[in-house]
Amino acid sequence: MIIIVGMSRRSPGSRLWLSLAVVLALVAAGAVAAAAWWLQTPLPLAAKTVELSIEAGTPPRQVAQAWVDAGVRASPRLLYEWFRWSGQARRIRAGSYEIETGATPRSLLAMMVQGDEALEQVRITEGWTLRQLRAALAQAPDLKPASAGLSDAELMTAIGAPGEPAEGRFFPDTYSYSRGVSDLTVLKRAHAAMKQRLAQAWAERSPDLPLKSADEALTLASIVEKETGQAADRGLVAGVFNNRLRIGMPLQTDPTVIYGLGSHYDGTLHKSDLARDTPYNTYLRSGLPPTPISLPGLASLRAAVRPEPTRALYFVARGDGSSEFSDSLADHNRAVNRYQRGR
């Protein structure tokens, strides 16, 4: 008998599994190589530059879709999966960003998760006029002055709001942006924020307001912003102006007159200024002025549409930032004598 030792044969099933494992390994290796290639490949863009503003709390999936909507010609699902797979999706920071031709998926994500030192900030302050806002943007560091030379009307067209009055339409806040981004991107972001805050405030308005629209609420809020010396008085200031509108009494507010004077205002409001007829002279004209006169903050928006209940029709500054409120003209005159005339 002859016995052969050390010779064996693989079953057909085992050979099949071995082949399948080899194929899967090759596919996996190919997928990794393809992914690595894609991450380093420049993204196709709809224009030479693509800008996007990301608000705090935006989910990574929405961030990916927003880049595609803005002009990045790539699969939003692929972008999102890259953000998620990288482990840095939750580190994406709010801000205004710009990418140029040559940007890759890897550099796009890196830009959005960079430290604070890579982002600049511009502060838009409550009570500013559009002129003051534009001056601040012109001085902001590393902000591309795309709006320079544009009229206010042209600026609104450039941010996608043609025909909309520009004054008062930008929400006061601190905005972060990547260096080299266009100032129009920051303006679009501030405009969208004001639109959202105004709509929310208007939806929560008191039922007995004398205001007919959200635009009127914005105008009144801009006046409340300029007339409020202390935050505690804001609701009463709004209450006084709502009371006056309700009975058809002129608002008689100095900030609107000053706004209407424009460059003619020399820092002091003269008696002759009160007699100068402009669309913003609320001593000579009843009702609200034609546009807002400043950028109101959230507190003023809310106060304008939900004023504190009061019978007061008058108020005067006490000199310490607070105001004295009066129901009657006689009481108001006594308050004026006490706080303004030193009697």
C-alpha atoms as a PDB file:
ATOM      1  CA  MET A   1       0.000   0.000   0.000  1.00  0.00           C
ATOM      2  CA  ILE A   2       1.323   3.361  -0.911  1.00  0.00           C
ATOM      3  CA  ILE A   3       0.334   6.315   1.320  1.00  0.00           C
ATOM      4  CA  ILE A   4       0.894   9.855   0.064  1.00  0.00           C
ATOM      5  CA  VAL A   5       1.407  12.369   2.908  1.00  0.00           C
ATOM      6  CA  GLY A   6       1.165  16.213   2.665  1.00  0.00           C
ATOM      7  CA  MET A   7      -1.011  16.413  -0.382  1.00  0.00           C
ATOM      8  CA  SER A   8      -4.487  18.025  -0.041  1.00  0.00           C
ATOM      9  CA  ARG A   9      -6.968  19.716  -2.256  1.00  0.00           C
ATOM     10  CA  ARG A  10      -9.085  22.814  -1.535  1.00  0.00           C
ATOM     11  CA  SER A  11     -12.777  22.375  -1.956  1.00  0.00           C
ATOM     12  CA  PRO A  12     -14.513  24.440  -4.669  1.00  0.00           C
ATOM     13  CA  GLY A  13     -16.335  26.362  -1.915  1.00  0.00           C
ATOM     14  CA  SER A  14     -13.157  27.461  -0.185  1.00  0.00           C
ATOM     15  CA  ARG A  15     -11.624  28.609  -3.453  1.00  0.00           C
ATOM     16  CA  LEU A  16     -14.746  30.706  -4.119  1.00  0.00           C
ATOM     17  CA  TRP A  17     -14.550  32.425  -0.725  1.00  0.00           C
ATOM     18  CA  LEU A  18     -10.863  33.138  -1.217  1.00  0.00           C
ATOM     19  CA  SER A  19     -11.537  34.713  -4.595  1.00  0.00           C
ATOM     20  CA  LEU A  20     -14.372  36.791  -3.177  1.00  0.00           C
ATOM     21  CA  ALA A  21     -12.176  38.041  -0.349  1.00  0.00           C
ATOM     22  CA  VAL A  22      -9.492  39.080  -2.824  1.00  0.00           C
ATOM     23  CA  VAL A  23     -12.057  40.913  -4.956  1.00  0.00           C
ATOM     24  CA  LEU A  24     -13.513  42.736  -1.937  1.00  0.00           C
ATOM     25  CA  ALA A  25     -10.043  43.747  -0.801  1.00  0.00           C
ATOM     26  CA  LEU A  26      -9.270  45.128  -4.225  1.00  0.00           C
ATOM     27  CA  VAL A  27     -12.600  46.979  -4.330  1.00  0.00           C
ATOM     28  CA  ALA A  28     -11.980  48.444  -0.875  1.00  0.00           C
ATOM     29  CA  ALA A  29      -8.488  49.512  -1.853  1.00  0.00           C
ATOM     30  CA  GLY A  30      -9.879  51.066  -5.014  1.00  0.00           C
ATOM     31  CA  ALA A  31     -12.577  52.891  -3.041  1.00  0.00           C
ATOM     32  CA  VAL A  32     -10.003  54.289  -0.627  1.00  0.00           C
ATOM     33  CA  ALA A  33      -7.838  55.410  -3.507  1.00  0.00           C
ATOM     34  CA  ALA A  34     -10.834  56.984  -5.258  1.00  0.00           C
ATOM     35  CA  ALA A  35     -11.849  58.782  -2.060  1.00  0.00           C
ATOM     36  CA  ALA A  36      -8.323  60.071  -1.517  1.00  0.00           C
ATOM     37  CA  TRP A  37      -8.229  61.286  -5.115  1.00  0.00           C
ATOM     38  CA  TRP A  38     -11.616  63.038  -4.768  1.00  0.00           C
ATOM     39  CA  LEU A  39     -10.617  64.819  -1.561  1.00  0.00           C
ATOM     40  CA  GLN A  40      -7.628  66.366  -3.335  1.00  0.00           C
ATOM     41  CA  THR A  41      -9.414  67.176  -6.594  1.00  0.00           C
ATOM     42  CA  PRO A  42     -10.580  70.798  -7.141  1.00  0.00           C
ATOM     43  CA  LEU A  43     -14.322  71.186  -6.828  1.00  0.00           C
ATOM     44  CA  PRO A  44     -16.155  72.427  -9.941  1.00  0.00           C
ATOM     45  CA  LEU A  45     -17.616  75.884  -9.239  1.00  0.00           C
ATOM     46  CA  ALA A  46     -20.380  77.808 -10.973  1.00  0.00           C
ATOM     47  CA  ALA A  47     -18.225  80.965 -10.827  1.00  0.00           C
ATOM     48  CA  LYS A  48     -14.641  81.950 -10.022  1.00  0.00           C
ATOM     49  CA  THR A  49     -15.632  82.473  -6.402  1.00  0.00           C
ATOM     50  CA  VAL A  50     -18.460  81.047  -4.329  1.00  0.00           C
ATOM     51  CA  GLU A  51     -19.530  82.649  -1.061  1.00  0.00           C
ATOM     52  CA  LEU A  52     -21.642  81.224   1.739  1.00  0.00           C
ATOM     53  CA  SER A  53     -22.742  82.302   5.197  1.00  0.00           C
ATOM     54  CA  ILE A  54     -23.277  79.640   7.848  1.00  0.00           C
ATOM     55  CA  GLU A  55     -25.340  80.405  10.918  1.00  0.00           C
ATOM     56  CA  ALA A  56     -24.627  78.850  14.315  1.00  0.00           C
ATOM     57  CA  GLY A  57     -26.275  75.488  14.801  1.00  0.00           C
ATOM     58  CA  THR A  58     -26.665  74.661  11.102  1.00  0.00           C
ATOM     59  CA  PRO A  59     -26.547  70.840  10.719  1.00  0.00           C
ATOM     60  CA  PRO A  60     -23.630  69.526   8.615  1.00  0.00           C
ATOM     61  CA  ARG A  61     -26.027  68.014   6.079  1.00  0.00           C
ATOM     62  CA  GLN A  62     -27.562  71.465   5.501  1.00  0.00           C
ATOM     63  CA  VAL A  63     -24.094  73.009   5.249  1.00  0.00           C
ATOM     64  CA  ALA A  64     -23.226  70.583   2.457  1.00  0.00           C
ATOM     65  CA  GLN A  65     -26.478  71.330   0.621  1.00  0.00           C
ATOM     66  CA  ALA A  66     -25.966  75.090   1.080  1.00  0.00           C
ATOM     67  CA  TRP A  67     -22.548  74.945  -0.620  1.00  0.00           C
ATOM     68  CA  VAL A  68     -24.112  73.141  -3.563  1.00  0.00           C
ATOM     69  CA  ASP A  69     -26.943  75.674  -3.724  1.00  0.00           C
ATOM     70  CA  ALA A  70     -24.370  78.487  -3.629  1.00  0.00           C
ATOM     71  CA  GLY A  71     -22.502  77.148  -6.658  1.00  0.00           C
ATOM     72  CA  VAL A  72     -20.345  74.152  -5.725  1.00  0.00           C
ATOM     73  CA  ARG A  73     -21.072  71.569  -8.404  1.00  0.00           C
ATOM     74  CA  ALA A  74     -20.716  68.411  -6.372  1.00  0.00           C
ATOM     75  CA  SER A  75     -22.936  65.846  -4.740  1.00  0.00           C
ATOM     76  CA  PRO A  76     -24.264  67.237  -1.449  1.00  0.00           C
ATOM     77  CA  ARG A  77     -24.360  63.685  -0.107  1.00  0.00           C
ATOM     78  CA  LEU A  78     -20.680  63.153  -0.872  1.00  0.00           C
ATOM     79  CA  LEU A  79     -19.783  66.431   0.824  1.00  0.00           C
ATOM     80  CA  TYR A  80     -21.856  65.547   3.870  1.00  0.00           C
ATOM     81  CA  GLU A  81     -20.365  62.055   4.096  1.00  0.00           C
ATOM     82  CA  TRP A  82     -16.895  63.605   3.935  1.00  0.00           C
ATOM     83  CA  PHE A  83     -17.753  66.041   6.737  1.00  0.00           C
ATOM     84  CA  ARG A  84     -19.116  63.172   8.832  1.00  0.00           C
ATOM     85  CA  TRP A  85     -16.384  60.640   8.055  1.00  0.00           C
ATOM     86  CA  SER A  86     -13.652  63.163   8.880  1.00  0.00           C
ATOM     87  CA  GLY A  87     -14.918  63.407  12.456  1.00  0.00           C
ATOM     88  CA  GLN A  88     -14.908  67.220  12.241  1.00  0.00           C
ATOM     89  CA  ALA A  89     -18.516  67.858  11.222  1.00  0.00           C
ATOM     90  CA  ARG A  90     -19.430  69.236  14.637  1.00  0.00           C
ATOM     91  CA  ARG A  91     -16.473  71.631  14.542  1.00  0.00           C
ATOM     92  CA  ILE A  92     -17.785  73.611  11.573  1.00  0.00           C
ATOM     93  CA  ARG A  93     -17.962  77.235  12.694  1.00  0.00           C
ATOM     94  CA  ALA A  94     -20.547  79.880  11.918  1.00  0.00           C
ATOM     95  CA  GLY A  95     -19.279  82.598   9.611  1.00  0.00           C
ATOM     96  CA  SER A  96     -19.164  83.975   6.093  1.00  0.00           C
ATOM     97  CA  TYR A  97     -16.852  82.049   3.764  1.00  0.00           C
ATOM     98  CA  GLU A  98     -15.512  82.317   0.232  1.00  0.00           C
ATOM     99  CA  ILE A  99     -13.793  79.668  -1.892  1.00  0.00           C
ATOM    100  CA  GLU A 100     -12.088  80.144  -5.230  1.00  0.00           C
ATOM    101  CA  THR A 101     -11.232  77.934  -8.169  1.00  0.00           C
ATOM    102  CA  GLY A 102      -8.893  75.216  -6.930  1.00  0.00           C
ATOM    103  CA  ALA A 103     -10.631  74.582  -3.614  1.00  0.00           C
ATOM    104  CA  THR A 104     -10.893  70.882  -2.773  1.00  0.00           C
ATOM    105  CA  PRO A 105     -13.274  69.015  -0.425  1.00  0.00           C
ATOM    106  CA  ARG A 106     -10.402  68.761   2.047  1.00  0.00           C
ATOM    107  CA  SER A 107      -9.543  72.479   1.963  1.00  0.00           C
ATOM    108  CA  LEU A 108     -13.237  73.417   2.118  1.00  0.00           C
ATOM    109  CA  LEU A 109     -13.741  71.562   5.368  1.00  0.00           C
ATOM    110  CA  ALA A 110     -10.439  72.794   6.799  1.00  0.00           C
ATOM    111  CA  MET A 111     -11.514  76.378   6.159  1.00  0.00           C
ATOM    112  CA  MET A 112     -14.760  75.894   8.068  1.00  0.00           C
ATOM    113  CA  VAL A 113     -13.140  74.287  11.121  1.00  0.00           C
ATOM    114  CA  GLN A 114     -10.185  76.625  11.473  1.00  0.00           C
ATOM    115  CA  GLY A 115      -9.629  78.326  14.795  1.00  0.00           C
ATOM    116  CA  ASP A 116     -11.033  81.731  15.701  1.00  0.00           C
ATOM    117  CA  GLU A 117      -7.721  83.334  14.770  1.00  0.00           C
ATOM    118  CA  ALA A 118      -8.509  82.585  11.112  1.00  0.00           C
ATOM    119  CA  LEU A 119     -11.813  84.495  11.244  1.00  0.00           C
ATOM    120  CA  GLU A 120     -12.358  88.220  11.423  1.00  0.00           C
ATOM    121  CA  GLN A 121     -15.377  89.908  13.000  1.00  0.00           C
ATOM    122  CA  VAL A 122     -17.432  93.015  12.390  1.00  0.00           C
ATOM    123  CA  ARG A 123     -19.870  94.417  14.924  1.00  0.00           C
ATOM    124  CA  ILE A 124     -23.102  96.040  13.713  1.00  0.00           C
ATOM    125  CA  THR A 125     -24.460  98.186  16.538  1.00  0.00           C
ATOM    126  CA  GLU A 126     -28.070  98.863  17.500  1.00  0.00           C
ATOM    127  CA  GLY A 127     -29.189 102.347  16.524  1.00  0.00           C
ATOM    128  CA  TRP A 128     -26.741 102.773  13.651  1.00  0.00           C
ATOM    129  CA  THR A 129     -27.922 104.212  10.380  1.00  0.00           C
ATOM    130  CA  LEU A 130     -27.140 102.521   7.086  1.00  0.00           C
ATOM    131  CA  ARG A 131     -24.463 105.146   6.483  1.00  0.00           C
ATOM    132  CA  GLN A 132     -22.723 104.183   9.734  1.00  0.00           C
ATOM    133  CA  LEU A 133     -23.041 100.490   8.872  1.00  0.00           C
ATOM    134  CA  ARG A 134     -21.440 100.965   5.473  1.00  0.00           C
ATOM    135  CA  ALA A 135     -18.620 102.989   7.022  1.00  0.00           C
ATOM    136  CA  ALA A 136     -17.940 100.176   9.511  1.00  0.00           C
ATOM    137  CA  LEU A 137     -17.837  97.564   6.752  1.00  0.00           C
ATOM    138  CA  ALA A 138     -15.436  99.728   4.756  1.00  0.00           C
ATOM    139  CA  GLN A 139     -13.049  99.714   7.734  1.00  0.00           C
ATOM    140  CA  ALA A 140     -13.467  96.045   8.663  1.00  0.00           C
ATOM    141  CA  PRO A 141     -10.213  94.055   8.303  1.00  0.00           C
ATOM    142  CA  ASP A 142      -9.780  91.782   5.291  1.00  0.00           C
ATOM    143  CA  LEU A 143     -13.317  92.355   4.036  1.00  0.00           C
ATOM    144  CA  LYS A 144     -13.561  92.763   0.272  1.00  0.00           C
ATOM    145  CA  PRO A 145     -15.344  96.125  -0.443  1.00  0.00           C
ATOM    146  CA  ALA A 146     -17.669  94.835  -3.159  1.00  0.00           C
ATOM    147  CA  SER A 147     -20.349  97.378  -2.182  1.00  0.00           C
ATOM    148  CA  ALA A 148     -18.052 100.389  -2.539  1.00  0.00           C
ATOM    149  CA  GLY A 149     -19.465 102.782  -5.086  1.00  0.00           C
ATOM    150  CA  LEU A 150     -22.929 101.245  -5.034  1.00  0.00           C
ATOM    151  CA  SER A 151     -25.912 103.405  -4.186  1.00  0.00           C
ATOM    152  CA  ASP A 152     -28.212 102.171  -1.442  1.00  0.00           C
ATOM    153  CA  ALA A 153     -30.681 100.965  -4.079  1.00  0.00           C
ATOM    154  CA  GLU A 154     -27.930  99.186  -6.011  1.00  0.00           C
ATOM    155  CA  LEU A 155     -26.719  97.587  -2.791  1.00  0.00           C
ATOM    156  CA  MET A 156     -30.169  96.125  -2.104  1.00  0.00           C
ATOM    157  CA  THR A 157     -30.305  94.752  -5.636  1.00  0.00           C
ATOM    158  CA  ALA A 158     -26.869  93.188  -5.179  1.00  0.00           C
ATOM    159  CA  ILE A 159     -27.984  91.291  -2.053  1.00  0.00           C
ATOM    160  CA  GLY A 160     -31.159  90.062  -3.733  1.00  0.00           C
ATOM    161  CA  ALA A 161     -33.685  92.559  -2.341  1.00  0.00           C
ATOM    162  CA  PRO A 162     -34.371  94.948  -5.256  1.00  0.00           C
ATOM    163  CA  GLY A 163     -36.785  97.779  -4.563  1.00  0.00           C
ATOM    164  CA  GLU A 164     -36.614  97.324  -0.790  1.00  0.00           C
ATOM    165  CA  PRO A 165     -35.688 100.440   1.227  1.00  0.00           C
ATOM    166  CA  ALA A 166     -32.227  99.898   2.653  1.00  0.00           C
ATOM    167  CA  GLU A 167     -32.467 101.766   5.944  1.00  0.00           C
ATOM    168  CA  GLY A 168     -33.104  99.611   8.992  1.00  0.00           C
ATOM    169  CA  ARG A 169     -33.005  96.303   7.107  1.00  0.00           C
ATOM    170  CA  PHE A 170     -29.874  94.777   8.676  1.00  0.00           C
ATOM    171  CA  PHE A 171     -29.881  93.063  12.045  1.00  0.00           C
ATOM    172  CA  PRO A 172     -27.383  94.401  14.605  1.00  0.00           C
ATOM    173  CA  ASP A 173     -25.059  91.617  15.722  1.00  0.00           C
ATOM    174  CA  THR A 174     -21.443  90.442  15.570  1.00  0.00           C
ATOM    175  CA  TYR A 175     -20.650  88.636  12.318  1.00  0.00           C
ATOM    176  CA  SER A 176     -17.640  86.396  11.752  1.00  0.00           C
ATOM    177  CA  TYR A 177     -16.205  85.961   8.288  1.00  0.00           C
ATOM    178  CA  SER A 178     -13.202  84.394   6.596  1.00  0.00           C
ATOM    179  CA  ARG A 179     -10.552  86.774   5.333  1.00  0.00           C
ATOM    180  CA  GLY A 180     -11.141  88.061   1.841  1.00  0.00           C
ATOM    181  CA  VAL A 181     -14.885  87.445   1.805  1.00  0.00           C
ATOM    182  CA  SER A 182     -17.119  90.058   0.172  1.00  0.00           C
ATOM    183  CA  ASP A 183     -18.906  92.622   2.341  1.00  0.00           C
ATOM    184  CA  LEU A 184     -22.045  91.753   0.355  1.00  0.00           C
ATOM    185  CA  THR A 185     -21.967  88.309   1.949  1.00  0.00           C
ATOM    186  CA  VAL A 186     -22.023  89.856   5.427  1.00  0.00           C
ATOM    187  CA  LEU A 187     -24.822  92.202   4.350  1.00  0.00           C
ATOM    188  CA  LYS A 188     -26.859  89.301   2.961  1.00  0.00           C
ATOM    189  CA  ARG A 189     -26.464  87.535   6.266  1.00  0.00           C
ATOM    190  CA  ALA A 190     -27.490  90.587   8.313  1.00  0.00           C
ATOM    191  CA  HIS A 191     -30.442  91.225   5.980  1.00  0.00           C
ATOM    192  CA  ALA A 192     -31.662  87.628   6.313  1.00  0.00           C
ATOM    193  CA  ALA A 193     -31.298  87.837  10.100  1.00  0.00           C
ATOM    194  CA  MET A 194     -33.405  91.015  10.285  1.00  0.00           C
ATOM    195  CA  LYS A 195     -36.053  89.493   8.036  1.00  0.00           C
ATOM    196  CA  GLN A 196     -36.273  86.452  10.293  1.00  0.00           C
ATOM    197  CA  ARG A 197     -36.337  88.413  13.584  1.00  0.00           C
ATOM    198  CA  LEU A 198     -38.940  90.854  12.245  1.00  0.00           C
ATOM    199  CA  ALA A 199     -41.212  88.062  11.013  1.00  0.00           C
ATOM    200  CA  GLN A 200     -40.980  86.326  14.378  1.00  0.00           C
ATOM    201  CA  ALA A 201     -41.740  89.515  16.308  1.00  0.00           C
ATOM    202  CA  TRP A 202     -44.668  90.382  14.028  1.00  0.00           C
ATOM    203  CA  ALA A 203     -46.133  86.899  14.491  1.00  0.00           C
ATOM    204  CA  GLU A 204     -46.108  87.469  18.275  1.00  0.00           C
ATOM    205  CA  ARG A 205     -47.621  90.983  18.162  1.00  0.00           C
ATOM    206  CA  SER A 206     -50.341  92.216  20.488  1.00  0.00           C
ATOM    207  CA  PRO A 207     -53.813  92.020  18.935  1.00  0.00           C
ATOM    208  CA  ASP A 208     -54.692  95.700  19.459  1.00  0.00           C
ATOM    209  CA  LEU A 209     -51.707  97.300  17.709  1.00  0.00           C
ATOM    210  CA  PRO A 210     -52.333 100.370  15.531  1.00  0.00           C
ATOM    211  CA  LEU A 211     -49.658  99.047  13.139  1.00  0.00           C
ATOM    212  CA  LYS A 212     -50.774  97.636   9.799  1.00  0.00           C
ATOM    213  CA  SER A 213     -47.713  95.667   8.709  1.00  0.00           C
ATOM    214  CA  ALA A 214     -44.355  94.262   9.730  1.00  0.00           C
ATOM    215  CA  ASP A 215     -42.690  97.115   7.828  1.00  0.00           C
ATOM    216  CA  GLU A 216     -44.491  99.633  10.032  1.00  0.00           C
ATOM    217  CA  ALA A 217     -43.356  97.672  13.078  1.00  0.00           C
ATOM    218  CA  LEU A 218     -39.759  97.893  11.831  1.00  0.00           C
ATOM    219  CA  THR A 219     -40.066 101.659  11.415  1.00  0.00           C
ATOM    220  CA  LEU A 220     -41.522 102.105  14.889  1.00  0.00           C
ATOM    221  CA  ALA A 221     -38.854  99.835  16.374  1.00  0.00           C
ATOM    222  CA  SER A 222     -36.156 102.008  14.815  1.00  0.00           C
ATOM    223  CA  ILE A 223     -37.628 105.041  16.595  1.00  0.00           C
ATOM    224  CA  VAL A 224     -37.908 103.160  19.890  1.00  0.00           C
ATOM    225  CA  GLU A 225     -34.245 102.183  19.512  1.00  0.00           C
ATOM    226  CA  LYS A 226     -33.165 105.819  19.193  1.00  0.00           C
ATOM    227  CA  GLU A 227     -35.448 107.108  21.969  1.00  0.00           C
ATOM    228  CA  THR A 228     -34.635 104.511  24.642  1.00  0.00           C
ATOM    229  CA  GLY A 229     -31.998 105.592  27.146  1.00  0.00           C
ATOM    230  CA  GLN A 230     -32.381 102.709  29.590  1.00  0.00           C
ATOM    231  CA  ALA A 231     -33.506  99.210  28.676  1.00  0.00           C
ATOM    232  CA  ALA A 232     -36.085  99.220  31.475  1.00  0.00           C
ATOM    233  CA  ASP A 233     -37.960 102.079  29.740  1.00  0.00           C
ATOM    234  CA  ARG A 234     -38.122 100.451  26.293  1.00  0.00           C
ATOM    235  CA  GLY A 235     -41.599  98.957  26.674  1.00  0.00           C
ATOM    236  CA  LEU A 236     -43.063 102.237  27.957  1.00  0.00           C
ATOM    237  CA  VAL A 237     -41.423 104.249  25.159  1.00  0.00           C
ATOM    238  CA  ALA A 238     -43.032 101.880  22.666  1.00  0.00           C
ATOM    239  CA  GLY A 239     -46.313 102.198  24.563  1.00  0.00           C
ATOM    240  CA  VAL A 240     -46.289 105.990  24.246  1.00  0.00           C
ATOM    241  CA  PHE A 241     -45.752 105.890  20.480  1.00  0.00           C
ATOM    242  CA  ASN A 242     -48.393 103.200  20.007  1.00  0.00           C
ATOM    243  CA  ASN A 243     -50.833 105.319  22.042  1.00  0.00           C
ATOM    244  CA  ARG A 244     -50.115 108.352  19.860  1.00  0.00           C
ATOM    245  CA  LEU A 245     -50.584 106.387  16.651  1.00  0.00           C
ATOM    246  CA  ARG A 246     -53.826 104.949  17.991  1.00  0.00           C
ATOM    247  CA  ILE A 247     -55.406 108.385  18.543  1.00  0.00           C
ATOM    248  CA  GLY A 248     -53.831 110.079  15.507  1.00  0.00           C
ATOM    249  CA  MET A 249     -51.474 112.264  17.561  1.00  0.00           C
ATOM    250  CA  PRO A 250     -48.162 113.251  15.900  1.00  0.00           C
ATOM    251  CA  LEU A 251     -45.212 111.250  17.200  1.00  0.00           C
ATOM    252  CA  GLN A 252     -43.180 114.437  17.763  1.00  0.00           C
ATOM    253  CA  THR A 253     -39.865 112.620  18.122  1.00  0.00           C
ATOM    254  CA  ASP A 254     -36.562 114.425  17.633  1.00  0.00           C
ATOM    255  CA  PRO A 255     -34.585 111.466  16.147  1.00  0.00           C
ATOM    256  CA  THR A 256     -36.827 111.383  13.070  1.00  0.00           C
ATOM    257  CA  VAL A 257     -36.345 115.119  12.537  1.00  0.00           C
ATOM    258  CA  ILE A 258     -32.572 114.723  12.866  1.00  0.00           C
ATOM    259  CA  TYR A 259     -32.608 111.850  10.383  1.00  0.00           C
ATOM    260  CA  GLY A 260     -34.571 113.958   7.906  1.00  0.00           C
ATOM    261  CA  LEU A 261     -32.084 116.812   8.183  1.00  0.00           C
ATOM    262  CA  GLY A 262     -29.274 114.592   6.939  1.00  0.00           C
ATOM    263  CA  SER A 263     -26.087 116.594   6.390  1.00  0.00           C
ATOM    264  CA  HIS A 264     -27.852 119.791   7.524  1.00  0.00           C
ATOM    265  CA  TYR A 265     -27.813 118.563  11.100  1.00  0.00           C
ATOM    266  CA  ASP A 266     -24.934 120.246  12.957  1.00  0.00           C
ATOM    267  CA  GLY A 267     -25.169 118.345  16.211  1.00  0.00           C
ATOM    268  CA  THR A 268     -27.751 120.640  17.803  1.00  0.00           C
ATOM    269  CA  LEU A 269     -31.472 120.531  17.069  1.00  0.00           C
ATOM    270  CA  HIS A 270     -32.675 124.099  16.597  1.00  0.00           C
ATOM    271  CA  LYS A 271     -36.210 125.458  16.732  1.00  0.00           C
ATOM    272  CA  SER A 272     -35.917 126.258  13.035  1.00  0.00           C
ATOM    273  CA  ASP A 273     -35.130 122.592  12.378  1.00  0.00           C
ATOM    274  CA  LEU A 274     -38.459 121.594  13.882  1.00  0.00           C
ATOM    275  CA  ALA A 275     -40.152 123.896  11.383  1.00  0.00           C
ATOM    276  CA  ARG A 276     -38.288 122.450   8.386  1.00  0.00           C
ATOM    277  CA  ASP A 277     -40.721 120.245   6.515  1.00  0.00           C
ATOM    278  CA  THR A 278     -39.247 116.879   5.523  1.00  0.00           C
ATOM    279  CA  PRO A 279     -40.944 113.484   5.203  1.00  0.00           C
ATOM    280  CA  TYR A 280     -39.322 112.635   8.551  1.00  0.00           C
ATOM    281  CA  ASN A 281     -40.544 115.650  10.528  1.00  0.00           C
ATOM    282  CA  THR A 282     -42.981 113.968  12.911  1.00  0.00           C
ATOM    283  CA  TYR A 283     -43.852 117.333  14.468  1.00  0.00           C
ATOM    284  CA  LEU A 284     -45.377 118.541  11.220  1.00  0.00           C
ATOM    285  CA  ARG A 285     -46.604 115.202   9.854  1.00  0.00           C
ATOM    286  CA  SER A 286     -48.710 112.622  11.606  1.00  0.00           C
ATOM    287  CA  GLY A 287     -48.103 108.901  11.457  1.00  0.00           C
ATOM    288  CA  LEU A 288     -44.866 107.045  10.916  1.00  0.00           C
ATOM    289  CA  PRO A 289     -42.017 108.338   8.735  1.00  0.00           C
ATOM    290  CA  PRO A 290     -41.638 106.684   5.317  1.00  0.00           C
ATOM    291  CA  THR A 291     -38.757 104.395   6.340  1.00  0.00           C
ATOM    292  CA  PRO A 292     -36.921 103.275   9.481  1.00  0.00           C
ATOM    293  CA  ILE A 293     -34.354 105.709  10.824  1.00  0.00           C
ATOM    294  CA  SER A 294     -31.913 103.231  12.391  1.00  0.00           C
ATOM    295  CA  LEU A 295     -31.095  99.571  12.891  1.00  0.00           C
ATOM    296  CA  PRO A 296     -33.292  98.270  15.740  1.00  0.00           C
ATOM    297  CA  GLY A 297     -32.181  95.386  17.903  1.00  0.00           C
ATOM    298  CA  LEU A 298     -34.314  92.456  18.973  1.00  0.00           C
ATOM    299  CA  ALA A 299     -35.478  94.152  22.187  1.00  0.00           C
ATOM    300  CA  SER A 300     -36.814  97.152  20.251  1.00  0.00           C
ATOM    301  CA  LEU A 301     -38.523  94.910  17.684  1.00  0.00           C
ATOM    302  CA  ARG A 302     -40.315  93.088  20.461  1.00  0.00           C
ATOM    303  CA  ALA A 303     -41.203  96.275  22.324  1.00  0.00           C
ATOM    304  CA  ALA A 304     -42.697  97.875  19.224  1.00  0.00           C
ATOM    305  CA  VAL A 305     -45.161  95.021  18.717  1.00  0.00           C
ATOM    306  CA  ARG A 306     -45.735  94.132  22.369  1.00  0.00           C
ATOM    307  CA  PRO A 307     -45.508  97.472  24.187  1.00  0.00           C
ATOM    308  CA  GLU A 308     -45.933  97.762  27.906  1.00  0.00           C
ATOM    309  CA  PRO A 309     -49.531  98.714  28.790  1.00  0.00           C
ATOM    310  CA  THR A 310     -49.647 102.405  29.679  1.00  0.00           C
ATOM    311  CA  ARG A 311     -51.871 105.460  29.353  1.00  0.00           C
ATOM    312  CA  ALA A 312     -48.866 107.726  28.939  1.00  0.00           C
ATOM    313  CA  LEU A 313     -48.683 110.025  25.918  1.00  0.00           C
ATOM    314  CA  TYR A 314     -45.498 111.869  26.844  1.00  0.00           C
ATOM    315  CA  PHE A 315     -42.014 111.238  28.195  1.00  0.00           C
ATOM    316  CA  VAL A 316     -38.971 113.347  28.876  1.00  0.00           C
ATOM    317  CA  ALA A 317     -35.355 112.427  29.657  1.00  0.00           C
ATOM    318  CA  ARG A 318     -34.389 112.793  33.314  1.00  0.00           C
ATOM    319  CA  GLY A 319     -30.724 113.277  32.476  1.00  0.00           C
ATOM    320  CA  ASP A 320     -29.524 109.964  33.855  1.00  0.00           C
ATOM    321  CA  GLY A 321     -30.602 107.876  30.864  1.00  0.00           C
ATOM    322  CA  SER A 322     -34.067 107.152  32.215  1.00  0.00           C
ATOM    323  CA  SER A 323     -37.325 108.891  31.253  1.00  0.00           C
ATOM    324  CA  GLU A 324     -40.286 110.407  33.079  1.00  0.00           C
ATOM    325  CA  PHE A 325     -43.632 109.334  31.616  1.00  0.00           C
ATOM    326  CA  SER A 326     -46.810 111.403  31.833  1.00  0.00           C
ATOM    327  CA  ASP A 327     -50.450 110.821  30.930  1.00  0.00           C
ATOM    328  CA  SER A 328     -51.330 114.502  30.460  1.00  0.00           C
ATOM    329  CA  LEU A 329     -49.711 117.523  28.859  1.00  0.00           C
ATOM    330  CA  ALA A 330     -49.830 119.422  32.166  1.00  0.00           C
ATOM    331  CA  ASP A 331     -47.883 116.672  33.939  1.00  0.00           C
ATOM    332  CA  HIS A 332     -45.481 116.506  31.038  1.00  0.00           C
ATOM    333  CA  ASN A 333     -44.803 120.241  31.154  1.00  0.00           C
ATOM    334  CA  ARG A 334     -44.046 119.982  34.865  1.00  0.00           C
ATOM    335  CA  ALA A 335     -41.633 117.122  34.133  1.00  0.00           C
ATOM    336  CA  VAL A 336     -39.958 119.177  31.407  1.00  0.00           C
ATOM    337  CA  ASN A 337     -39.540 122.095  33.805  1.00  0.00           C
ATOM    338  CA  ARG A 338     -38.062 119.806  36.406  1.00  0.00           C
ATOM    339  CA  TYR A 339     -35.664 117.765  34.298  1.00  0.00           C
ATOM    340  CA  GLN A 340     -34.909 119.877  31.242  1.00  0.00           C
ATOM    341  CA  ARG A 341     -35.156 123.463  32.398  1.00  0.00           C
ATOM    342  CA  GLY A 342     -33.786 122.989  35.880  1.00  0.00           C
ATOM    343  CA  ARG A 343     -36.754 124.597  37.605  1.00  0.00           C
END
